[in-house]
Amino acid sequence: MAKWKDKKEFKEQVYRVAEKMNVKVNSLALRPMTNKWASCSTDGNLNFNKELLDMDKDLGEYVIVHELLHFNVPNHGKLWKSLMAAYLGDYEKLELRLKKLSGKQVEREK
């Protein structure tokens, strides 16, 4: 699987996906995070775990779409799940791979 070249490539992808999803990103950061892969705030701020840079791109794509969807759907209900499937197809396989790679929770507390 392809890996991210650098943080610039990752951030450019976040902005591309955000544009497709019609989401306005106010700020974007990659930083160490101990319990999550990403977080977002209602005012458009996104934080991604910098460990994503060392993972396969498809897992990063999963986290990017997952987080951007929260700007319009704040939970993991039926609408969120159907939108994840619309953007990524069988997203549940990616979610399971991500869980197996780390012991990190794939952000279920929202």
PDB file of N, CA and C in Angstrom:
ATOM      1  N   MET A   1       0.831  -1.199   0.000  1.00  0.00           N
ATOM      2  CA  MET A   1       0.000   0.000   0.000  1.00  0.00           C
ATOM      3  C   MET A   1       0.872   1.258   0.000  1.00  0.00           C
ATOM      4  N   ALA A   2       0.363   2.285  -0.603  1.00  0.00           N
ATOM      5  CA  ALA A   2       1.087   3.559  -0.681  1.00  0.00           C
ATOM      6  C   ALA A   2       1.023   4.291   0.659  1.00  0.00           C
ATOM      7  N   LYS A   3       2.119   4.932   0.986  1.00  0.00           N
ATOM      8  CA  LYS A   3       2.210   5.744   2.209  1.00  0.00           C
ATOM      9  C   LYS A   3       2.188   7.222   1.831  1.00  0.00           C
ATOM     10  N   TRP A   4       1.934   8.063   2.800  1.00  0.00           N
ATOM     11  CA  TRP A   4       1.979   9.514   2.592  1.00  0.00           C
ATOM     12  C   TRP A   4       3.424   9.937   2.436  1.00  0.00           C
ATOM     13  N   LYS A   5       3.694  10.828   1.476  1.00  0.00           N
ATOM     14  CA  LYS A   5       5.061  11.328   1.283  1.00  0.00           C
ATOM     15  C   LYS A   5       5.483  12.198   2.453  1.00  0.00           C
ATOM     16  N   ASP A   6       4.584  13.074   2.856  1.00  0.00           N
ATOM     17  CA  ASP A   6       4.902  14.014   3.927  1.00  0.00           C
ATOM     18  C   ASP A   6       3.617  14.668   4.418  1.00  0.00           C
ATOM     19  N   LYS A   7       3.764  15.536   5.402  1.00  0.00           N
ATOM     20  CA  LYS A   7       2.578  16.164   5.979  1.00  0.00           C
ATOM     21  C   LYS A   7       1.905  17.120   4.992  1.00  0.00           C
ATOM     22  N   LYS A   8       2.662  17.695   4.085  1.00  0.00           N
ATOM     23  CA  LYS A   8       2.091  18.587   3.068  1.00  0.00           C
ATOM     24  C   LYS A   8       1.107  17.815   2.189  1.00  0.00           C
ATOM     25  N   GLU A   9       1.510  16.630   1.743  1.00  0.00           N
ATOM     26  CA  GLU A   9       0.622  15.808   0.905  1.00  0.00           C
ATOM     27  C   GLU A   9      -0.661  15.444   1.666  1.00  0.00           C
ATOM     28  N   PHE A  10      -0.516  15.083   2.939  1.00  0.00           N
ATOM     29  CA  PHE A  10      -1.678  14.729   3.754  1.00  0.00           C
ATOM     30  C   PHE A  10      -2.634  15.923   3.865  1.00  0.00           C
ATOM     31  N   LYS A  11      -2.083  17.086   4.192  1.00  0.00           N
ATOM     32  CA  LYS A  11      -2.918  18.280   4.356  1.00  0.00           C
ATOM     33  C   LYS A  11      -3.606  18.667   3.046  1.00  0.00           C
ATOM     34  N   GLU A  12      -2.896  18.553   1.934  1.00  0.00           N
ATOM     35  CA  GLU A  12      -3.513  18.860   0.642  1.00  0.00           C
ATOM     36  C   GLU A  12      -4.699  17.941   0.378  1.00  0.00           C
ATOM     37  N   GLN A  13      -4.559  16.673   0.779  1.00  0.00           N
ATOM     38  CA  GLN A  13      -5.657  15.725   0.595  1.00  0.00           C
ATOM     39  C   GLN A  13      -6.843  16.092   1.481  1.00  0.00           C
ATOM     40  N   VAL A  14      -6.577  16.525   2.701  1.00  0.00           N
ATOM     41  CA  VAL A  14      -7.667  16.951   3.584  1.00  0.00           C
ATOM     42  C   VAL A  14      -8.454  18.083   2.925  1.00  0.00           C
ATOM     43  N   TYR A  15      -7.757  19.074   2.391  1.00  0.00           N
ATOM     44  CA  TYR A  15      -8.439  20.204   1.754  1.00  0.00           C
ATOM     45  C   TYR A  15      -9.198  19.780   0.492  1.00  0.00           C
ATOM     46  N   ARG A  16      -8.632  18.837  -0.284  1.00  0.00           N
ATOM     47  CA  ARG A  16      -9.334  18.338  -1.483  1.00  0.00           C
ATOM     48  C   ARG A  16     -10.638  17.641  -1.103  1.00  0.00           C
ATOM     49  N   VAL A  17     -10.552  16.774  -0.107  1.00  0.00           N
ATOM     50  CA  VAL A  17     -11.742  16.032   0.327  1.00  0.00           C
ATOM     51  C   VAL A  17     -12.754  16.996   0.945  1.00  0.00           C
ATOM     52  N   ALA A  18     -12.295  17.953   1.721  1.00  0.00           N
ATOM     53  CA  ALA A  18     -13.201  18.935   2.331  1.00  0.00           C
ATOM     54  C   ALA A  18     -13.955  19.710   1.257  1.00  0.00           C
ATOM     55  N   GLU A  19     -13.251  20.074   0.189  1.00  0.00           N
ATOM     56  CA  GLU A  19     -13.906  20.802  -0.899  1.00  0.00           C
ATOM     57  C   GLU A  19     -14.990  19.940  -1.553  1.00  0.00           C
ATOM     58  N   LYS A  20     -14.674  18.670  -1.809  1.00  0.00           N
ATOM     59  CA  LYS A  20     -15.664  17.748  -2.390  1.00  0.00           C
ATOM     60  C   LYS A  20     -16.884  17.594  -1.487  1.00  0.00           C
ATOM     61  N   MET A  21     -16.648  17.625  -0.178  1.00  0.00           N
ATOM     62  CA  MET A  21     -17.725  17.424   0.782  1.00  0.00           C
ATOM     63  C   MET A  21     -18.389  18.744   1.181  1.00  0.00           C
ATOM     64  N   ASN A  22     -17.913  19.827   0.590  1.00  0.00           N
ATOM     65  CA  ASN A  22     -18.448  21.156   0.880  1.00  0.00           C
ATOM     66  C   ASN A  22     -18.330  21.512   2.372  1.00  0.00           C
ATOM     67  N   VAL A  23     -17.144  21.252   2.916  1.00  0.00           N
ATOM     68  CA  VAL A  23     -16.856  21.544   4.319  1.00  0.00           C
ATOM     69  C   VAL A  23     -15.771  22.607   4.358  1.00  0.00           C
ATOM     70  N   LYS A  24     -15.986  23.644   5.161  1.00  0.00           N
ATOM     71  CA  LYS A  24     -14.992  24.705   5.301  1.00  0.00           C
ATOM     72  C   LYS A  24     -14.083  24.391   6.479  1.00  0.00           C
ATOM     73  N   VAL A  25     -12.793  24.256   6.182  1.00  0.00           N
ATOM     74  CA  VAL A  25     -11.794  23.985   7.220  1.00  0.00           C
ATOM     75  C   VAL A  25     -11.160  25.310   7.610  1.00  0.00           C
ATOM     76  N   ASN A  26     -11.247  25.646   8.884  1.00  0.00           N
ATOM     77  CA  ASN A  26     -10.675  26.881   9.395  1.00  0.00           C
ATOM     78  C   ASN A  26      -9.183  26.717   9.673  1.00  0.00           C
ATOM     79  N   SER A  27      -8.824  25.659  10.388  1.00  0.00           N
ATOM     80  CA  SER A  27      -7.408  25.374  10.646  1.00  0.00           C
ATOM     81  C   SER A  27      -7.197  23.866  10.622  1.00  0.00           C
ATOM     82  N   LEU A  28      -5.971  23.488  10.319  1.00  0.00           N
ATOM     83  CA  LEU A  28      -5.634  22.077  10.161  1.00  0.00           C
ATOM     84  C   LEU A  28      -4.259  21.839  10.765  1.00  0.00           C
ATOM     85  N   ALA A  29      -4.172  20.842  11.643  1.00  0.00           N
ATOM     86  CA  ALA A  29      -2.889  20.541  12.285  1.00  0.00           C
ATOM     87  C   ALA A  29      -2.675  19.038  12.371  1.00  0.00           C
ATOM     88  N   LEU A  30      -1.430  18.646  12.298  1.00  0.00           N
ATOM     89  CA  LEU A  30      -1.013  17.274  12.571  1.00  0.00           C
ATOM     90  C   LEU A  30      -0.186  17.346  13.841  1.00  0.00           C
ATOM     91  N   ARG A  31      -0.550  16.552  14.827  1.00  0.00           N
ATOM     92  CA  ARG A  31       0.150  16.620  16.106  1.00  0.00           C
ATOM     93  C   ARG A  31       0.068  15.277  16.814  1.00  0.00           C
ATOM     94  N   PRO A  32       0.888  15.066  17.824  1.00  0.00           N
ATOM     95  CA  PRO A  32       0.784  13.816  18.585  1.00  0.00           C
ATOM     96  C   PRO A  32      -0.554  13.764  19.323  1.00  0.00           C
ATOM     97  N   MET A  33      -1.201  12.629  19.252  1.00  0.00           N
ATOM     98  CA  MET A  33      -2.461  12.417  19.972  1.00  0.00           C
ATOM     99  C   MET A  33      -2.388  11.019  20.568  1.00  0.00           C
ATOM    100  N   THR A  34      -2.743  10.881  21.823  1.00  0.00           N
ATOM    101  CA  THR A  34      -2.572   9.575  22.461  1.00  0.00           C
ATOM    102  C   THR A  34      -3.784   8.659  22.347  1.00  0.00           C
ATOM    103  N   ASN A  35      -4.986   9.210  22.276  1.00  0.00           N
ATOM    104  CA  ASN A  35      -6.175   8.366  22.313  1.00  0.00           C
ATOM    105  C   ASN A  35      -7.054   8.418  21.079  1.00  0.00           C
ATOM    106  N   LYS A  36      -6.745   9.277  20.144  1.00  0.00           N
ATOM    107  CA  LYS A  36      -7.610   9.451  18.979  1.00  0.00           C
ATOM    108  C   LYS A  36      -6.775   9.562  17.711  1.00  0.00           C
ATOM    109  N   TRP A  37      -7.448   9.349  16.589  1.00  0.00           N
ATOM    110  CA  TRP A  37      -6.817   9.579  15.294  1.00  0.00           C
ATOM    111  C   TRP A  37      -7.059  10.996  14.817  1.00  0.00           C
ATOM    112  N   ALA A  38      -8.123  11.613  15.309  1.00  0.00           N
ATOM    113  CA  ALA A  38      -8.431  12.977  14.870  1.00  0.00           C
ATOM    114  C   ALA A  38      -9.473  13.584  15.793  1.00  0.00           C
ATOM    115  N   SER A  39      -9.614  14.897  15.677  1.00  0.00           N
ATOM    116  CA  SER A  39     -10.686  15.604  16.378  1.00  0.00           C
ATOM    117  C   SER A  39     -11.048  16.838  15.564  1.00  0.00           C
ATOM    118  N   CYS A  40     -12.272  17.304  15.783  1.00  0.00           N
ATOM    119  CA  CYS A  40     -12.710  18.523  15.098  1.00  0.00           C
ATOM    120  C   CYS A  40     -13.542  19.357  16.051  1.00  0.00           C
ATOM    121  N   SER A  41     -13.632  20.642  15.744  1.00  0.00           N
ATOM    122  CA  SER A  41     -14.456  21.536  16.548  1.00  0.00           C
ATOM    123  C   SER A  41     -15.531  22.146  15.654  1.00  0.00           C
ATOM    124  N   THR A  42     -16.554  22.659  16.272  1.00  0.00           N
ATOM    125  CA  THR A  42     -17.665  23.228  15.505  1.00  0.00           C
ATOM    126  C   THR A  42     -17.262  24.470  14.722  1.00  0.00           C
ATOM    127  N   ASP A  43     -16.145  25.096  15.076  1.00  0.00           N
ATOM    128  CA  ASP A  43     -15.721  26.277  14.323  1.00  0.00           C
ATOM    129  C   ASP A  43     -14.726  25.950  13.210  1.00  0.00           C
ATOM    130  N   GLY A  44     -14.641  24.679  12.802  1.00  0.00           N
ATOM    131  CA  GLY A  44     -13.860  24.326  11.621  1.00  0.00           C
ATOM    132  C   GLY A  44     -12.413  23.968  11.856  1.00  0.00           C
ATOM    133  N   ASN A  45     -12.052  23.681  13.092  1.00  0.00           N
ATOM    134  CA  ASN A  45     -10.669  23.315  13.391  1.00  0.00           C
ATOM    135  C   ASN A  45     -10.515  21.798  13.384  1.00  0.00           C
ATOM    136  N   LEU A  46      -9.499  21.327  12.677  1.00  0.00           N
ATOM    137  CA  LEU A  46      -9.226  19.895  12.573  1.00  0.00           C
ATOM    138  C   LEU A  46      -7.843  19.586  13.108  1.00  0.00           C
ATOM    139  N   ASN A  47      -7.750  18.506  13.865  1.00  0.00           N
ATOM    140  CA  ASN A  47      -6.474  17.985  14.333  1.00  0.00           C
ATOM    141  C   ASN A  47      -6.401  16.526  13.942  1.00  0.00           C
ATOM    142  N   PHE A  48      -5.274  16.136  13.354  1.00  0.00           N
ATOM    143  CA  PHE A  48      -5.057  14.750  12.995  1.00  0.00           C
ATOM    144  C   PHE A  48      -3.826  14.247  13.720  1.00  0.00           C
ATOM    145  N   ASN A  49      -3.872  12.984  14.106  1.00  0.00           N
ATOM    146  CA  ASN A  49      -2.743  12.341  14.754  1.00  0.00           C
ATOM    147  C   ASN A  49      -1.611  12.186  13.741  1.00  0.00           C
ATOM    148  N   LYS A  50      -0.433  12.642  14.097  1.00  0.00           N
ATOM    149  CA  LYS A  50       0.685  12.590  13.148  1.00  0.00           C
ATOM    150  C   LYS A  50       1.118  11.163  12.835  1.00  0.00           C
ATOM    151  N   GLU A  51       0.702  10.178  13.625  1.00  0.00           N
ATOM    152  CA  GLU A  51       1.003   8.773  13.332  1.00  0.00           C
ATOM    153  C   GLU A  51       0.370   8.328  12.011  1.00  0.00           C
ATOM    154  N   LEU A  52      -0.671   9.026  11.565  1.00  0.00           N
ATOM    155  CA  LEU A  52      -1.326   8.685  10.300  1.00  0.00           C
ATOM    156  C   LEU A  52      -0.368   8.802   9.120  1.00  0.00           C
ATOM    157  N   LEU A  53       0.627   9.657   9.242  1.00  0.00           N
ATOM    158  CA  LEU A  53       1.588   9.848   8.148  1.00  0.00           C
ATOM    159  C   LEU A  53       2.388   8.583   7.861  1.00  0.00           C
ATOM    160  N   ASP A  54       2.504   7.704   8.847  1.00  0.00           N
ATOM    161  CA  ASP A  54       3.275   6.471   8.678  1.00  0.00           C
ATOM    162  C   ASP A  54       2.405   5.288   8.262  1.00  0.00           C
ATOM    163  N   MET A  55       1.118   5.537   8.058  1.00  0.00           N
ATOM    164  CA  MET A  55       0.193   4.454   7.712  1.00  0.00           C
ATOM    165  C   MET A  55      -0.179   4.497   6.239  1.00  0.00           C
ATOM    166  N   ASP A  56      -0.804   3.429   5.789  1.00  0.00           N
ATOM    167  CA  ASP A  56      -1.279   3.380   4.412  1.00  0.00           C
ATOM    168  C   ASP A  56      -2.250   4.524   4.142  1.00  0.00           C
ATOM    169  N   LYS A  57      -2.185   5.045   2.932  1.00  0.00           N
ATOM    170  CA  LYS A  57      -3.034   6.180   2.565  1.00  0.00           C
ATOM    171  C   LYS A  57      -4.519   5.890   2.740  1.00  0.00           C
ATOM    172  N   ASP A  58      -4.940   4.659   2.446  1.00  0.00           N
ATOM    173  CA  ASP A  58      -6.373   4.377   2.558  1.00  0.00           C
ATOM    174  C   ASP A  58      -6.876   4.513   3.990  1.00  0.00           C
ATOM    175  N   LEU A  59      -6.010   4.242   4.975  1.00  0.00           N
ATOM    176  CA  LEU A  59      -6.412   4.431   6.372  1.00  0.00           C
ATOM    177  C   LEU A  59      -6.500   5.920   6.704  1.00  0.00           C
ATOM    178  N   GLY A  60      -5.568   6.698   6.167  1.00  0.00           N
ATOM    179  CA  GLY A  60      -5.639   8.148   6.347  1.00  0.00           C
ATOM    180  C   GLY A  60      -6.886   8.717   5.706  1.00  0.00           C
ATOM    181  N   GLU A  61      -7.238   8.207   4.522  1.00  0.00           N
ATOM    182  CA  GLU A  61      -8.457   8.652   3.833  1.00  0.00           C
ATOM    183  C   GLU A  61      -9.685   8.374   4.696  1.00  0.00           C
ATOM    184  N   TYR A  62      -9.698   7.203   5.309  1.00  0.00           N
ATOM    185  CA  TYR A  62     -10.812   6.853   6.196  1.00  0.00           C
ATOM    186  C   TYR A  62     -10.953   7.895   7.312  1.00  0.00           C
ATOM    187  N   VAL A  63      -9.841   8.214   7.963  1.00  0.00           N
ATOM    188  CA  VAL A  63      -9.883   9.163   9.089  1.00  0.00           C
ATOM    189  C   VAL A  63     -10.274  10.557   8.594  1.00  0.00           C
ATOM    190  N   ILE A  64      -9.783  10.948   7.439  1.00  0.00           N
ATOM    191  CA  ILE A  64     -10.122  12.264   6.877  1.00  0.00           C
ATOM    192  C   ILE A  64     -11.625  12.359   6.627  1.00  0.00           C
ATOM    193  N   VAL A  65     -12.178  11.383   5.923  1.00  0.00           N
ATOM    194  CA  VAL A  65     -13.622  11.412   5.615  1.00  0.00           C
ATOM    195  C   VAL A  65     -14.430  11.325   6.905  1.00  0.00           C
ATOM    196  N   HIS A  66     -14.028  10.423   7.793  1.00  0.00           N
ATOM    197  CA  HIS A  66     -14.712  10.259   9.083  1.00  0.00           C
ATOM    198  C   HIS A  66     -14.836  11.602   9.802  1.00  0.00           C
ATOM    199  N   GLU A  67     -13.726  12.297   9.902  1.00  0.00           N
ATOM    200  CA  GLU A  67     -13.720  13.552  10.657  1.00  0.00           C
ATOM    201  C   GLU A  67     -14.485  14.651   9.941  1.00  0.00           C
ATOM    202  N   LEU A  68     -14.304  14.767   8.642  1.00  0.00           N
ATOM    203  CA  LEU A  68     -15.012  15.818   7.896  1.00  0.00           C
ATOM    204  C   LEU A  68     -16.524  15.617   7.935  1.00  0.00           C
ATOM    205  N   LEU A  69     -16.979  14.380   7.968  1.00  0.00           N
ATOM    206  CA  LEU A  69     -18.421  14.136   8.062  1.00  0.00           C
ATOM    207  C   LEU A  69     -19.008  14.700   9.350  1.00  0.00           C
ATOM    208  N   HIS A  70     -18.188  14.748  10.402  1.00  0.00           N
ATOM    209  CA  HIS A  70     -18.689  15.263  11.680  1.00  0.00           C
ATOM    210  C   HIS A  70     -19.042  16.746  11.645  1.00  0.00           C
ATOM    211  N   PHE A  71     -18.603  17.457  10.629  1.00  0.00           N
ATOM    212  CA  PHE A  71     -19.004  18.857  10.525  1.00  0.00           C
ATOM    213  C   PHE A  71     -20.495  18.971  10.219  1.00  0.00           C
ATOM    214  N   ASN A  72     -21.045  17.946   9.568  1.00  0.00           N
ATOM    215  CA  ASN A  72     -22.469  17.964   9.229  1.00  0.00           C
ATOM    216  C   ASN A  72     -23.285  16.925   9.982  1.00  0.00           C
ATOM    217  N   VAL A  73     -22.638  15.880  10.441  1.00  0.00           N
ATOM    218  CA  VAL A  73     -23.319  14.816  11.182  1.00  0.00           C
ATOM    219  C   VAL A  73     -22.500  14.545  12.446  1.00  0.00           C
ATOM    220  N   PRO A  74     -22.949  15.046  13.605  1.00  0.00           N
ATOM    221  CA  PRO A  74     -22.122  14.985  14.807  1.00  0.00           C
ATOM    222  C   PRO A  74     -22.059  13.626  15.507  1.00  0.00           C
ATOM    223  N   ASN A  75     -22.737  12.614  14.981  1.00  0.00           N
ATOM    224  CA  ASN A  75     -22.753  11.302  15.634  1.00  0.00           C
ATOM    225  C   ASN A  75     -22.378  10.213  14.634  1.00  0.00           C
ATOM    226  N   HIS A  76     -22.527   8.962  15.047  1.00  0.00           N
ATOM    227  CA  HIS A  76     -22.213   7.827  14.180  1.00  0.00           C
ATOM    228  C   HIS A  76     -23.475   7.029  13.869  1.00  0.00           C
ATOM    229  N   GLY A  77     -24.569   7.729  13.662  1.00  0.00           N
ATOM    230  CA  GLY A  77     -25.853   7.091  13.387  1.00  0.00           C
ATOM    231  C   GLY A  77     -25.992   6.632  11.941  1.00  0.00           C
ATOM    232  N   LYS A  78     -27.227   6.327  11.567  1.00  0.00           N
ATOM    233  CA  LYS A  78     -27.503   5.788  10.229  1.00  0.00           C
ATOM    234  C   LYS A  78     -27.070   6.726   9.108  1.00  0.00           C
ATOM    235  N   LEU A  79     -27.327   8.014   9.253  1.00  0.00           N
ATOM    236  CA  LEU A  79     -26.935   8.973   8.217  1.00  0.00           C
ATOM    237  C   LEU A  79     -25.420   8.993   8.055  1.00  0.00           C
ATOM    238  N   TRP A  80     -24.705   9.055   9.171  1.00  0.00           N
ATOM    239  CA  TRP A  80     -23.239   9.065   9.125  1.00  0.00           C
ATOM    240  C   TRP A  80     -22.728   7.801   8.430  1.00  0.00           C
ATOM    241  N   LYS A  81     -23.269   6.660   8.808  1.00  0.00           N
ATOM    242  CA  LYS A  81     -22.830   5.389   8.221  1.00  0.00           C
ATOM    243  C   LYS A  81     -23.110   5.339   6.726  1.00  0.00           C
ATOM    244  N   SER A  82     -24.269   5.812   6.310  1.00  0.00           N
ATOM    245  CA  SER A  82     -24.564   5.764   4.876  1.00  0.00           C
ATOM    246  C   SER A  82     -23.695   6.745   4.103  1.00  0.00           C
ATOM    247  N   LEU A  83     -23.353   7.884   4.683  1.00  0.00           N
ATOM    248  CA  LEU A  83     -22.451   8.816   4.017  1.00  0.00           C
ATOM    249  C   LEU A  83     -21.028   8.255   3.952  1.00  0.00           C
ATOM    250  N   MET A  84     -20.586   7.588   5.004  1.00  0.00           N
ATOM    251  CA  MET A  84     -19.268   6.940   4.964  1.00  0.00           C
ATOM    252  C   MET A  84     -19.233   5.922   3.831  1.00  0.00           C
ATOM    253  N   ALA A  85     -20.283   5.136   3.708  1.00  0.00           N
ATOM    254  CA  ALA A  85     -20.351   4.121   2.648  1.00  0.00           C
ATOM    255  C   ALA A  85     -20.376   4.794   1.271  1.00  0.00           C
ATOM    256  N   ALA A  86     -21.068   5.927   1.161  1.00  0.00           N
ATOM    257  CA  ALA A  86     -21.138   6.635  -0.124  1.00  0.00           C
ATOM    258  C   ALA A  86     -19.758   7.156  -0.533  1.00  0.00           C
ATOM    259  N   TYR A  87     -18.976   7.636   0.429  1.00  0.00           N
ATOM    260  CA  TYR A  87     -17.652   8.183   0.119  1.00  0.00           C
ATOM    261  C   TYR A  87     -16.573   7.113  -0.017  1.00  0.00           C
ATOM    262  N   LEU A  88     -16.665   6.049   0.800  1.00  0.00           N
ATOM    263  CA  LEU A  88     -15.565   5.089   0.862  1.00  0.00           C
ATOM    264  C   LEU A  88     -15.944   3.650   0.541  1.00  0.00           C
ATOM    265  N   GLY A  89     -17.169   3.386   0.236  1.00  0.00           N
ATOM    266  CA  GLY A  89     -17.565   1.997  -0.015  1.00  0.00           C
ATOM    267  C   GLY A  89     -17.607   1.222   1.288  1.00  0.00           C
ATOM    268  N   ASP A  90     -16.878   0.118   1.341  1.00  0.00           N
ATOM    269  CA  ASP A  90     -16.875  -0.741   2.533  1.00  0.00           C
ATOM    270  C   ASP A  90     -15.936  -0.167   3.599  1.00  0.00           C
ATOM    271  N   TYR A  91     -16.341   0.945   4.174  1.00  0.00           N
ATOM    272  CA  TYR A  91     -15.495   1.652   5.137  1.00  0.00           C
ATOM    273  C   TYR A  91     -15.242   0.836   6.396  1.00  0.00           C
ATOM    274  N   GLU A  92     -16.141  -0.103   6.708  1.00  0.00           N
ATOM    275  CA  GLU A  92     -15.988  -0.877   7.943  1.00  0.00           C
ATOM    276  C   GLU A  92     -14.706  -1.717   7.937  1.00  0.00           C
ATOM    277  N   LYS A  93     -14.272  -2.169   6.763  1.00  0.00           N
ATOM    278  CA  LYS A  93     -13.015  -2.919   6.674  1.00  0.00           C
ATOM    279  C   LYS A  93     -11.833  -2.017   7.041  1.00  0.00           C
ATOM    280  N   LEU A  94     -11.880  -0.770   6.581  1.00  0.00           N
ATOM    281  CA  LEU A  94     -10.821   0.184   6.931  1.00  0.00           C
ATOM    282  C   LEU A  94     -10.832   0.459   8.428  1.00  0.00           C
ATOM    283  N   GLU A  95     -12.027   0.620   8.982  1.00  0.00           N
ATOM    284  CA  GLU A  95     -12.161   0.873  10.412  1.00  0.00           C
ATOM    285  C   GLU A  95     -11.555  -0.274  11.222  1.00  0.00           C
ATOM    286  N   LEU A  96     -11.832  -1.504  10.817  1.00  0.00           N
ATOM    287  CA  LEU A  96     -11.279  -2.661  11.523  1.00  0.00           C
ATOM    288  C   LEU A  96      -9.758  -2.725  11.403  1.00  0.00           C
ATOM    289  N   ARG A  97      -9.229  -2.456  10.219  1.00  0.00           N
ATOM    290  CA  ARG A  97      -7.769  -2.435  10.053  1.00  0.00           C
ATOM    291  C   ARG A  97      -7.129  -1.406  10.969  1.00  0.00           C
ATOM    292  N   LEU A  98      -7.742  -0.239  11.043  1.00  0.00           N
ATOM    293  CA  LEU A  98      -7.207   0.823  11.892  1.00  0.00           C
ATOM    294  C   LEU A  98      -7.228   0.410  13.358  1.00  0.00           C
ATOM    295  N   LYS A  99      -8.316  -0.221  13.782  1.00  0.00           N
ATOM    296  CA  LYS A  99      -8.410  -0.681  15.172  1.00  0.00           C
ATOM    297  C   LYS A  99      -7.360  -1.749  15.475  1.00  0.00           C
ATOM    298  N   LYS A 100      -7.140  -2.646  14.526  1.00  0.00           N
ATOM    299  CA  LYS A 100      -6.168  -3.722  14.749  1.00  0.00           C
ATOM    300  C   LYS A 100      -4.737  -3.192  14.807  1.00  0.00           C
ATOM    301  N   LEU A 101      -4.465  -2.137  14.040  1.00  0.00           N
ATOM    302  CA  LEU A 101      -3.110  -1.575  14.003  1.00  0.00           C
ATOM    303  C   LEU A 101      -2.695  -0.910  15.307  1.00  0.00           C
ATOM    304  N   SER A 102      -3.669  -0.479  16.046  1.00  0.00           N
ATOM    305  CA  SER A 102      -3.316   0.343  17.198  1.00  0.00           C
ATOM    306  C   SER A 102      -4.142  -0.072  18.378  1.00  0.00           C
ATOM    307  N   GLY A 103      -4.232   0.095  19.344  1.00  0.00           N
ATOM    308  CA  GLY A 103      -5.286  -0.147  20.328  1.00  0.00           C
ATOM    309  C   GLY A 103      -6.130   1.087  20.495  1.00  0.00           C
ATOM    310  N   LYS A 104      -5.927   2.077  19.618  1.00  0.00           N
ATOM    311  CA  LYS A 104      -6.666   3.341  19.760  1.00  0.00           C
ATOM    312  C   LYS A 104      -8.128   3.160  19.448  1.00  0.00           C
ATOM    313  N   GLN A 105      -8.921   3.888  20.162  1.00  0.00           N
ATOM    314  CA  GLN A 105     -10.356   3.922  19.904  1.00  0.00           C
ATOM    315  C   GLN A 105     -10.570   4.737  18.617  1.00  0.00           C
ATOM    316  N   VAL A 106     -11.406   4.263  17.726  1.00  0.00           N
ATOM    317  CA  VAL A 106     -11.699   5.013  16.509  1.00  0.00           C
ATOM    318  C   VAL A 106     -12.851   5.945  16.816  1.00  0.00           C
ATOM    319  N   GLU A 107     -12.576   6.909  17.578  1.00  0.00           N
ATOM    320  CA  GLU A 107     -13.453   8.007  17.943  1.00  0.00           C
ATOM    321  C   GLU A 107     -14.925   7.659  17.963  1.00  0.00           C
ATOM    322  N   ARG A 108     -15.368   7.045  19.015  1.00  0.00           N
ATOM    323  CA  ARG A 108     -16.775   6.664  19.170  1.00  0.00           C
ATOM    324  C   ARG A 108     -17.478   7.493  20.240  1.00  0.00           C
ATOM    325  N   GLU A 109     -16.768   8.408  20.858  1.00  0.00           N
ATOM    326  CA  GLU A 109     -17.383   9.143  21.956  1.00  0.00           C
ATOM    327  C   GLU A 109     -18.216  10.341  21.526  1.00  0.00           C
ATOM    328  N   LYS A 110     -18.213  10.699  20.267  1.00  0.00           N
ATOM    329  CA  LYS A 110     -18.970  11.881  19.834  1.00  0.00           C
ATOM    330  C   LYS A 110     -20.445  11.613  19.825  1.00  0.00           C
TER     331      LYS A 110
END
